[in-house]
């Protein structure tokens, strides 16, 4: 079995319950000596987990009666389908240092600020408020700000 790939099956679960279901399935597969080799939970919750098991019958045995499991998708899941859920997506940031931005989230919604640094890898921007009497840098997600005026324009 080591040289041969095991099939991967998709299990539909209630949204945001992926980790709870995974822990129950792990305990069930270990205690019942079921041939389940791995359980994959995507980072972004979307209501599906992936189980690598010997057969579809094994998956049905492991998930039967587990709370928050909606069902098992019939057939094997291809690796291409799994990769698009597991591979991290890099955010596209079109924000530069010295851009003027408007804050869209939290208590400071509607406040204006100037970008003092951008971390494109993490998707974070450091903003210094313009309305504040003293410099107050804030670290915000790039999605929480909107560029109102580009630097140099």
N, C-alpha and C. Protein backbone atom coordinates (compact mmCIF):
# COMPACT_ATOMS: atom_id res chain seq x y z
N UNK A 1 0.82 -1.20 0.00
CA UNK A 1 0.00 0.00 0.00
C UNK A 1 0.86 1.26 0.00
N UNK A 2 2.14 1.14 0.37
CA UNK A 2 3.01 2.31 0.49
C UNK A 2 3.29 2.94 -0.87
N UNK A 3 3.45 2.14 -1.91
CA UNK A 3 3.77 2.69 -3.22
C UNK A 3 2.52 3.19 -3.95
N UNK A 4 1.36 2.80 -3.50
CA UNK A 4 0.11 3.16 -4.14
C UNK A 4 -0.55 4.29 -3.37
N UNK A 5 -1.16 5.25 -4.09
CA UNK A 5 -1.85 6.34 -3.42
C UNK A 5 -3.22 5.89 -2.93
N UNK A 6 -3.58 6.34 -1.75
CA UNK A 6 -4.91 6.04 -1.22
C UNK A 6 -5.89 7.08 -1.72
N UNK A 7 -7.12 6.69 -1.95
CA UNK A 7 -8.11 7.67 -2.42
C UNK A 7 -8.47 8.67 -1.32
N UNK A 8 -8.84 9.86 -1.76
CA UNK A 8 -9.26 10.93 -0.85
C UNK A 8 -10.73 11.22 -1.12
N UNK A 9 -11.50 11.32 -0.05
CA UNK A 9 -12.95 11.55 -0.15
C UNK A 9 -13.31 12.86 0.53
N UNK A 10 -14.35 13.52 0.02
CA UNK A 10 -14.84 14.77 0.59
C UNK A 10 -16.04 14.50 1.48
N UNK A 11 -16.04 15.12 2.65
CA UNK A 11 -17.14 14.99 3.60
C UNK A 11 -17.71 16.38 3.84
N UNK A 12 -18.99 16.54 3.60
CA UNK A 12 -19.66 17.81 3.82
C UNK A 12 -20.06 17.93 5.28
N UNK A 13 -19.70 19.08 5.89
CA UNK A 13 -20.02 19.31 7.30
C UNK A 13 -20.65 20.69 7.45
N UNK A 14 -21.23 20.93 8.63
CA UNK A 14 -21.80 22.23 8.93
C UNK A 14 -20.66 23.25 8.99
N UNK A 15 -20.87 24.41 8.40
CA UNK A 15 -19.84 25.43 8.36
C UNK A 15 -19.32 25.79 9.73
N UNK A 16 -18.02 25.99 9.84
CA UNK A 16 -17.29 26.35 11.06
C UNK A 16 -17.30 25.24 12.11
N UNK A 17 -17.65 24.03 11.74
CA UNK A 17 -17.60 22.89 12.64
C UNK A 17 -16.56 21.87 12.18
N UNK A 18 -15.71 22.28 11.24
CA UNK A 18 -14.75 21.35 10.65
C UNK A 18 -13.81 20.75 11.68
N UNK A 19 -13.28 21.57 12.58
CA UNK A 19 -12.32 21.06 13.57
C UNK A 19 -12.99 20.14 14.59
N UNK A 20 -14.20 20.46 14.99
CA UNK A 20 -14.92 19.59 15.93
C UNK A 20 -15.18 18.22 15.31
N UNK A 21 -15.64 18.22 14.08
CA UNK A 21 -15.91 16.96 13.39
C UNK A 21 -14.61 16.17 13.20
N UNK A 22 -13.54 16.86 12.87
CA UNK A 22 -12.25 16.20 12.66
C UNK A 22 -11.78 15.49 13.92
N UNK A 23 -11.93 16.13 15.05
CA UNK A 23 -11.49 15.51 16.31
C UNK A 23 -12.31 14.25 16.61
N UNK A 24 -13.60 14.30 16.37
CA UNK A 24 -14.46 13.13 16.59
C UNK A 24 -14.07 12.01 15.63
N UNK A 25 -13.85 12.35 14.35
CA UNK A 25 -13.48 11.34 13.36
C UNK A 25 -12.13 10.72 13.68
N UNK A 26 -11.21 11.51 14.17
CA UNK A 26 -9.89 11.00 14.55
C UNK A 26 -10.02 9.97 15.67
N UNK A 27 -10.79 10.31 16.69
CA UNK A 27 -10.99 9.38 17.81
C UNK A 27 -11.69 8.11 17.36
N UNK A 28 -12.70 8.26 16.49
CA UNK A 28 -13.44 7.09 16.00
C UNK A 28 -12.56 6.16 15.17
N UNK A 29 -11.75 6.76 14.30
CA UNK A 29 -10.92 5.93 13.43
C UNK A 29 -9.83 5.21 14.22
N UNK A 30 -9.31 5.85 15.27
CA UNK A 30 -8.28 5.22 16.09
C UNK A 30 -8.87 4.13 16.98
N UNK A 31 -10.01 4.40 17.59
CA UNK A 31 -10.60 3.41 18.51
C UNK A 31 -11.19 2.22 17.78
N UNK A 32 -11.73 2.45 16.58
CA UNK A 32 -12.34 1.36 15.82
C UNK A 32 -11.37 0.68 14.88
N UNK A 33 -10.11 1.09 14.92
CA UNK A 33 -9.08 0.51 14.06
C UNK A 33 -9.49 0.57 12.58
N UNK A 34 -10.06 1.69 12.18
CA UNK A 34 -10.46 1.89 10.79
C UNK A 34 -9.26 2.37 9.98
N UNK A 35 -9.10 1.93 8.74
CA UNK A 35 -7.97 2.34 7.92
C UNK A 35 -8.14 3.75 7.34
N UNK A 36 -8.13 4.75 8.24
CA UNK A 36 -8.15 6.16 7.84
C UNK A 36 -6.72 6.67 8.02
N UNK A 37 -6.14 7.20 6.94
CA UNK A 37 -4.73 7.58 6.98
C UNK A 37 -4.51 9.05 7.27
N UNK A 38 -5.42 9.89 6.85
CA UNK A 38 -5.29 11.32 7.16
C UNK A 38 -6.63 12.01 7.01
N UNK A 39 -6.75 13.13 7.74
CA UNK A 39 -7.92 13.98 7.64
C UNK A 39 -7.39 15.40 7.44
N UNK A 40 -7.87 16.06 6.39
CA UNK A 40 -7.39 17.39 6.06
C UNK A 40 -8.51 18.41 6.23
N UNK A 41 -8.22 19.47 6.98
CA UNK A 41 -9.17 20.55 7.17
C UNK A 41 -8.57 21.80 6.53
N UNK A 42 -9.21 22.36 5.51
CA UNK A 42 -8.70 23.58 4.89
C UNK A 42 -8.68 24.74 5.89
N UNK A 43 -7.74 25.65 5.69
CA UNK A 43 -7.60 26.79 6.61
C UNK A 43 -8.84 27.67 6.60
N UNK A 44 -9.35 27.95 5.43
CA UNK A 44 -10.58 28.74 5.31
C UNK A 44 -11.78 27.81 5.46
N UNK A 45 -12.63 28.03 6.45
CA UNK A 45 -13.77 27.13 6.62
C UNK A 45 -14.80 27.32 5.51
N UNK A 46 -15.14 26.23 4.85
CA UNK A 46 -16.18 26.32 3.82
C UNK A 46 -17.11 25.11 3.84
N UNK A 47 -17.04 24.29 4.89
CA UNK A 47 -18.00 23.22 5.05
C UNK A 47 -17.62 21.88 4.47
N UNK A 48 -16.34 21.66 4.16
CA UNK A 48 -15.90 20.37 3.63
C UNK A 48 -14.57 20.00 4.27
N UNK A 49 -14.41 18.73 4.61
CA UNK A 49 -13.12 18.20 5.03
C UNK A 49 -12.77 17.05 4.10
N UNK A 50 -11.50 16.71 4.03
CA UNK A 50 -11.04 15.65 3.14
C UNK A 50 -10.47 14.51 3.97
N UNK A 51 -10.86 13.28 3.63
CA UNK A 51 -10.41 12.11 4.36
C UNK A 51 -9.70 11.16 3.40
N UNK A 52 -8.49 10.78 3.77
CA UNK A 52 -7.75 9.78 3.00
C UNK A 52 -7.98 8.45 3.71
N UNK A 53 -8.63 7.53 3.03
CA UNK A 53 -8.99 6.25 3.63
C UNK A 53 -8.88 5.14 2.59
N UNK A 54 -8.96 3.92 3.10
CA UNK A 54 -8.82 2.76 2.22
C UNK A 54 -9.95 2.66 1.20
N UNK A 55 -11.18 2.99 1.64
CA UNK A 55 -12.31 2.91 0.71
C UNK A 55 -13.43 3.83 1.16
N UNK A 56 -14.41 4.00 0.29
CA UNK A 56 -15.57 4.82 0.61
C UNK A 56 -16.38 4.21 1.75
N UNK A 57 -16.42 2.89 1.82
CA UNK A 57 -17.14 2.21 2.89
C UNK A 57 -16.54 2.55 4.26
N UNK A 58 -15.24 2.65 4.33
CA UNK A 58 -14.57 3.02 5.58
C UNK A 58 -14.98 4.43 6.00
N UNK A 59 -15.04 5.35 5.05
CA UNK A 59 -15.44 6.72 5.34
C UNK A 59 -16.87 6.74 5.87
N UNK A 60 -17.76 6.00 5.22
CA UNK A 60 -19.15 5.93 5.70
C UNK A 60 -19.22 5.39 7.13
N UNK A 61 -18.43 4.36 7.44
CA UNK A 61 -18.44 3.79 8.79
C UNK A 61 -17.96 4.81 9.82
N UNK A 62 -16.94 5.55 9.48
CA UNK A 62 -16.37 6.51 10.43
C UNK A 62 -17.29 7.70 10.67
N UNK A 63 -17.97 8.20 9.63
CA UNK A 63 -18.79 9.40 9.78
C UNK A 63 -20.23 9.13 10.19
N UNK A 64 -20.65 7.88 10.17
CA UNK A 64 -22.06 7.60 10.47
C UNK A 64 -22.41 8.01 11.90
N UNK A 65 -23.44 8.81 12.02
CA UNK A 65 -23.93 9.24 13.32
C UNK A 65 -23.17 10.39 13.96
N UNK A 66 -22.17 10.95 13.29
CA UNK A 66 -21.40 12.05 13.86
C UNK A 66 -22.18 13.35 13.67
N UNK A 67 -22.31 14.10 14.77
CA UNK A 67 -23.03 15.36 14.73
C UNK A 67 -22.29 16.34 13.81
N UNK A 68 -23.01 17.16 13.10
CA UNK A 68 -22.51 18.19 12.18
C UNK A 68 -22.03 17.65 10.84
N UNK A 69 -22.11 16.34 10.59
CA UNK A 69 -21.75 15.80 9.28
C UNK A 69 -23.01 15.79 8.43
N UNK A 70 -22.95 16.45 7.27
CA UNK A 70 -24.09 16.48 6.37
C UNK A 70 -24.12 15.26 5.47
N UNK A 71 -22.94 14.83 5.01
CA UNK A 71 -22.88 13.66 4.14
C UNK A 71 -21.52 13.50 3.51
N UNK A 72 -21.39 12.40 2.79
CA UNK A 72 -20.15 12.09 2.09
C UNK A 72 -20.41 12.26 0.60
N UNK A 73 -19.52 12.99 -0.07
CA UNK A 73 -19.65 13.15 -1.52
C UNK A 73 -19.16 11.88 -2.18
N UNK A 74 -20.00 11.28 -3.01
CA UNK A 74 -19.65 10.01 -3.65
C UNK A 74 -18.51 10.22 -4.63
N UNK A 75 -17.66 9.24 -4.69
CA UNK A 75 -16.52 9.30 -5.62
C UNK A 75 -15.29 9.89 -4.97
N UNK A 76 -14.17 9.66 -5.63
CA UNK A 76 -12.89 10.16 -5.13
C UNK A 76 -12.73 11.63 -5.48
N UNK A 77 -11.97 12.32 -4.66
CA UNK A 77 -11.67 13.72 -4.89
C UNK A 77 -10.27 13.82 -5.48
N UNK A 78 -10.15 14.60 -6.55
CA UNK A 78 -8.84 14.73 -7.19
C UNK A 78 -7.93 15.67 -6.39
N UNK A 79 -6.64 15.48 -6.54
CA UNK A 79 -5.67 16.33 -5.84
C UNK A 79 -5.77 17.78 -6.29
N UNK A 80 -6.13 18.03 -7.53
CA UNK A 80 -6.26 19.39 -8.04
C UNK A 80 -7.35 20.15 -7.28
N UNK A 81 -8.45 19.46 -6.96
CA UNK A 81 -9.52 20.09 -6.21
C UNK A 81 -9.06 20.45 -4.80
N UNK A 82 -8.29 19.57 -4.19
CA UNK A 82 -7.83 19.80 -2.82
C UNK A 82 -6.81 20.94 -2.78
N UNK A 83 -5.93 20.99 -3.75
CA UNK A 83 -4.86 21.99 -3.76
C UNK A 83 -5.43 23.40 -3.81
N UNK A 84 -6.51 23.62 -4.55
CA UNK A 84 -7.06 24.97 -4.64
C UNK A 84 -7.65 25.46 -3.31
N UNK A 85 -8.00 24.54 -2.41
CA UNK A 85 -8.49 24.94 -1.09
C UNK A 85 -7.36 25.05 -0.07
N UNK A 86 -6.28 24.32 -0.28
CA UNK A 86 -5.20 24.27 0.69
C UNK A 86 -4.12 25.31 0.39
N UNK A 87 -3.87 25.58 -0.88
CA UNK A 87 -2.82 26.51 -1.27
C UNK A 87 -3.17 27.92 -0.82
N UNK A 88 -2.26 28.60 -0.12
CA UNK A 88 -2.57 29.95 0.36
C UNK A 88 -2.68 30.93 -0.80
N UNK A 89 -3.64 31.83 -0.69
CA UNK A 89 -3.84 32.84 -1.71
C UNK A 89 -3.16 34.12 -1.23
N UNK A 90 -2.29 34.67 -2.08
CA UNK A 90 -1.60 35.91 -1.73
C UNK A 90 -2.52 37.08 -2.06
N UNK A 91 -2.74 37.95 -1.10
CA UNK A 91 -3.60 39.10 -1.38
C UNK A 91 -2.90 40.09 -2.31
N UNK A 92 -3.67 40.67 -3.21
CA UNK A 92 -3.15 41.67 -4.12
C UNK A 92 -3.32 43.02 -3.44
N UNK A 93 -2.19 43.66 -3.15
CA UNK A 93 -2.23 44.93 -2.43
C UNK A 93 -1.74 46.03 -3.36
N UNK A 94 -2.60 47.00 -3.59
CA UNK A 94 -2.24 48.14 -4.43
C UNK A 94 -2.17 49.39 -3.55
N UNK A 95 -1.45 49.27 -2.45
CA UNK A 95 -1.30 50.38 -1.52
C UNK A 95 0.20 50.63 -1.37
N UNK A 96 0.58 51.90 -1.41
CA UNK A 96 1.98 52.27 -1.28
C UNK A 96 2.16 53.17 -0.07
N UNK A 97 3.42 53.34 0.34
CA UNK A 97 3.75 54.23 1.44
C UNK A 97 3.37 55.65 1.05
N UNK A 98 2.86 56.42 2.00
CA UNK A 98 2.41 57.81 1.87
C UNK A 98 1.07 57.97 1.16
N UNK A 99 0.39 56.88 0.82
CA UNK A 99 -0.98 56.98 0.29
C UNK A 99 -1.91 57.42 1.42
N UNK A 100 -2.92 58.20 1.06
CA UNK A 100 -3.96 58.55 2.03
C UNK A 100 -5.05 57.50 1.92
N UNK A 101 -5.52 57.02 3.08
CA UNK A 101 -6.53 55.97 3.10
C UNK A 101 -7.66 56.35 4.04
N UNK A 102 -8.78 55.68 3.82
CA UNK A 102 -9.92 55.80 4.72
C UNK A 102 -10.10 54.45 5.38
N UNK A 103 -10.29 54.44 6.70
CA UNK A 103 -10.45 53.19 7.44
C UNK A 103 -11.90 52.74 7.30
N UNK A 104 -12.08 51.46 6.94
CA UNK A 104 -13.41 50.92 6.68
C UNK A 104 -13.96 50.06 7.82
N UNK A 105 -13.12 49.71 8.80
CA UNK A 105 -13.56 48.77 9.83
C UNK A 105 -13.30 49.33 11.23
N UNK A 106 -13.87 48.66 12.19
CA UNK A 106 -13.69 48.94 13.62
C UNK A 106 -14.27 50.27 14.05
N UNK A 107 -13.82 50.73 15.21
CA UNK A 107 -14.33 51.94 15.83
C UNK A 107 -13.92 53.18 15.04
N UNK A 108 -12.80 53.11 14.38
CA UNK A 108 -12.27 54.26 13.64
C UNK A 108 -12.80 54.36 12.22
N UNK A 109 -13.91 53.70 11.94
CA UNK A 109 -14.50 53.71 10.61
C UNK A 109 -14.74 55.14 10.16
N UNK A 110 -14.27 55.45 8.95
CA UNK A 110 -14.44 56.78 8.38
C UNK A 110 -13.26 57.70 8.65
N UNK A 111 -12.35 57.30 9.54
CA UNK A 111 -11.17 58.12 9.82
C UNK A 111 -10.21 58.05 8.64
N UNK A 112 -9.41 59.12 8.51
CA UNK A 112 -8.43 59.16 7.44
C UNK A 112 -7.05 58.95 8.02
N UNK A 113 -6.17 58.38 7.19
CA UNK A 113 -4.82 58.15 7.65
C UNK A 113 -3.84 58.13 6.50
N UNK A 114 -2.54 58.10 6.86
CA UNK A 114 -1.48 58.04 5.87
C UNK A 114 -0.72 56.74 6.10
N UNK A 115 -0.44 56.00 5.03
CA UNK A 115 0.25 54.72 5.13
C UNK A 115 1.73 54.99 5.39
N UNK A 116 2.27 54.35 6.45
CA UNK A 116 3.69 54.52 6.75
C UNK A 116 4.50 53.26 6.43
N UNK A 117 3.83 52.10 6.32
CA UNK A 117 4.53 50.89 5.86
C UNK A 117 3.50 49.88 5.34
N UNK A 118 3.96 49.00 4.44
CA UNK A 118 3.11 47.99 3.84
C UNK A 118 3.84 46.65 3.92
N UNK A 119 3.16 45.62 4.43
CA UNK A 119 3.69 44.25 4.44
C UNK A 119 2.85 43.43 3.48
N UNK A 120 3.34 43.29 2.25
CA UNK A 120 2.56 42.62 1.20
C UNK A 120 2.43 41.13 1.46
N UNK A 121 3.41 40.52 2.13
CA UNK A 121 3.35 39.08 2.44
C UNK A 121 2.19 38.76 3.37
N UNK A 122 2.04 39.56 4.42
CA UNK A 122 0.99 39.32 5.42
C UNK A 122 -0.31 40.04 5.09
N UNK A 123 -0.29 40.97 4.15
CA UNK A 123 -1.49 41.71 3.79
C UNK A 123 -1.84 42.78 4.80
N UNK A 124 -0.81 43.35 5.46
CA UNK A 124 -1.02 44.35 6.50
C UNK A 124 -0.47 45.70 6.06
N UNK A 125 -1.12 46.77 6.53
CA UNK A 125 -0.62 48.12 6.33
C UNK A 125 -0.57 48.82 7.69
N UNK A 126 0.44 49.63 7.88
CA UNK A 126 0.53 50.45 9.10
C UNK A 126 0.11 51.86 8.71
N UNK A 127 -0.89 52.37 9.41
CA UNK A 127 -1.49 53.65 9.08
C UNK A 127 -1.31 54.59 10.27
N UNK A 128 -0.98 55.84 9.97
CA UNK A 128 -0.89 56.89 10.98
C UNK A 128 -2.10 57.80 10.77
N UNK A 129 -2.89 57.99 11.80
CA UNK A 129 -4.11 58.79 11.67
C UNK A 129 -3.78 60.24 11.40
N UNK A 130 -4.53 60.85 10.48
CA UNK A 130 -4.35 62.27 10.16
C UNK A 130 -5.16 63.16 11.10
N UNK A 131 -6.28 62.64 11.59
CA UNK A 131 -7.18 63.42 12.43
C UNK A 131 -6.71 63.50 13.88
N UNK A 132 -5.73 62.70 14.25
CA UNK A 132 -5.28 62.61 15.63
C UNK A 132 -4.27 63.73 15.94
N UNK A 133 -4.34 64.32 17.15
CA UNK A 133 -3.40 65.38 17.51
C UNK A 133 -1.97 64.86 17.74
N UNK A 134 -1.83 63.56 17.95
CA UNK A 134 -0.50 62.97 18.12
C UNK A 134 -0.40 61.75 17.21
N UNK A 135 0.83 61.38 16.79
CA UNK A 135 0.98 60.24 15.88
C UNK A 135 0.52 58.94 16.55
N UNK A 136 -0.40 58.25 15.89
CA UNK A 136 -0.94 57.01 16.45
C UNK A 136 -0.93 55.95 15.35
N UNK A 137 0.14 55.14 15.25
CA UNK A 137 0.18 54.12 14.19
C UNK A 137 -0.74 52.94 14.50
N UNK A 138 -1.42 52.47 13.47
CA UNK A 138 -2.32 51.32 13.60
C UNK A 138 -1.93 50.29 12.55
N UNK A 139 -1.94 49.02 12.93
CA UNK A 139 -1.74 47.93 11.97
C UNK A 139 -3.10 47.41 11.57
N UNK A 140 -3.40 47.48 10.29
CA UNK A 140 -4.70 47.06 9.77
C UNK A 140 -4.50 46.11 8.60
N UNK A 141 -5.52 45.29 8.34
CA UNK A 141 -5.51 44.46 7.15
C UNK A 141 -5.73 45.36 5.94
N UNK A 142 -5.17 44.96 4.82
CA UNK A 142 -5.31 45.75 3.60
C UNK A 142 -6.77 45.87 3.17
N UNK A 143 -7.59 44.88 3.54
CA UNK A 143 -9.01 44.93 3.18
C UNK A 143 -9.80 45.90 4.05
N UNK A 144 -9.19 46.38 5.13
CA UNK A 144 -9.89 47.28 6.05
C UNK A 144 -9.65 48.74 5.72
N UNK A 145 -8.89 49.02 4.67
CA UNK A 145 -8.65 50.40 4.27
C UNK A 145 -8.95 50.58 2.79
N UNK A 146 -9.28 51.82 2.43
CA UNK A 146 -9.55 52.16 1.03
C UNK A 146 -8.69 53.36 0.67
N UNK A 147 -7.96 53.26 -0.43
CA UNK A 147 -7.11 54.36 -0.86
C UNK A 147 -7.97 55.49 -1.37
N UNK A 148 -7.77 56.69 -0.79
CA UNK A 148 -8.51 57.87 -1.25
C UNK A 148 -7.65 58.78 -2.09
N UNK A 149 -6.33 58.75 -1.83
CA UNK A 149 -5.42 59.60 -2.59
C UNK A 149 -4.06 58.91 -2.68
N UNK A 150 -3.60 58.64 -3.90
CA UNK A 150 -2.30 58.01 -4.10
C UNK A 150 -1.18 59.01 -3.82
N UNK A 151 -0.06 58.51 -3.36
CA UNK A 151 1.11 59.35 -3.06
C UNK A 151 1.65 59.94 -4.35
N UNK A 152 2.03 61.22 -4.30
CA UNK A 152 2.64 61.86 -5.47
C UNK A 152 1.64 62.35 -6.49
N UNK A 153 0.34 62.31 -6.20
CA UNK A 153 -0.67 62.78 -7.17
C UNK A 153 -1.44 63.93 -6.62
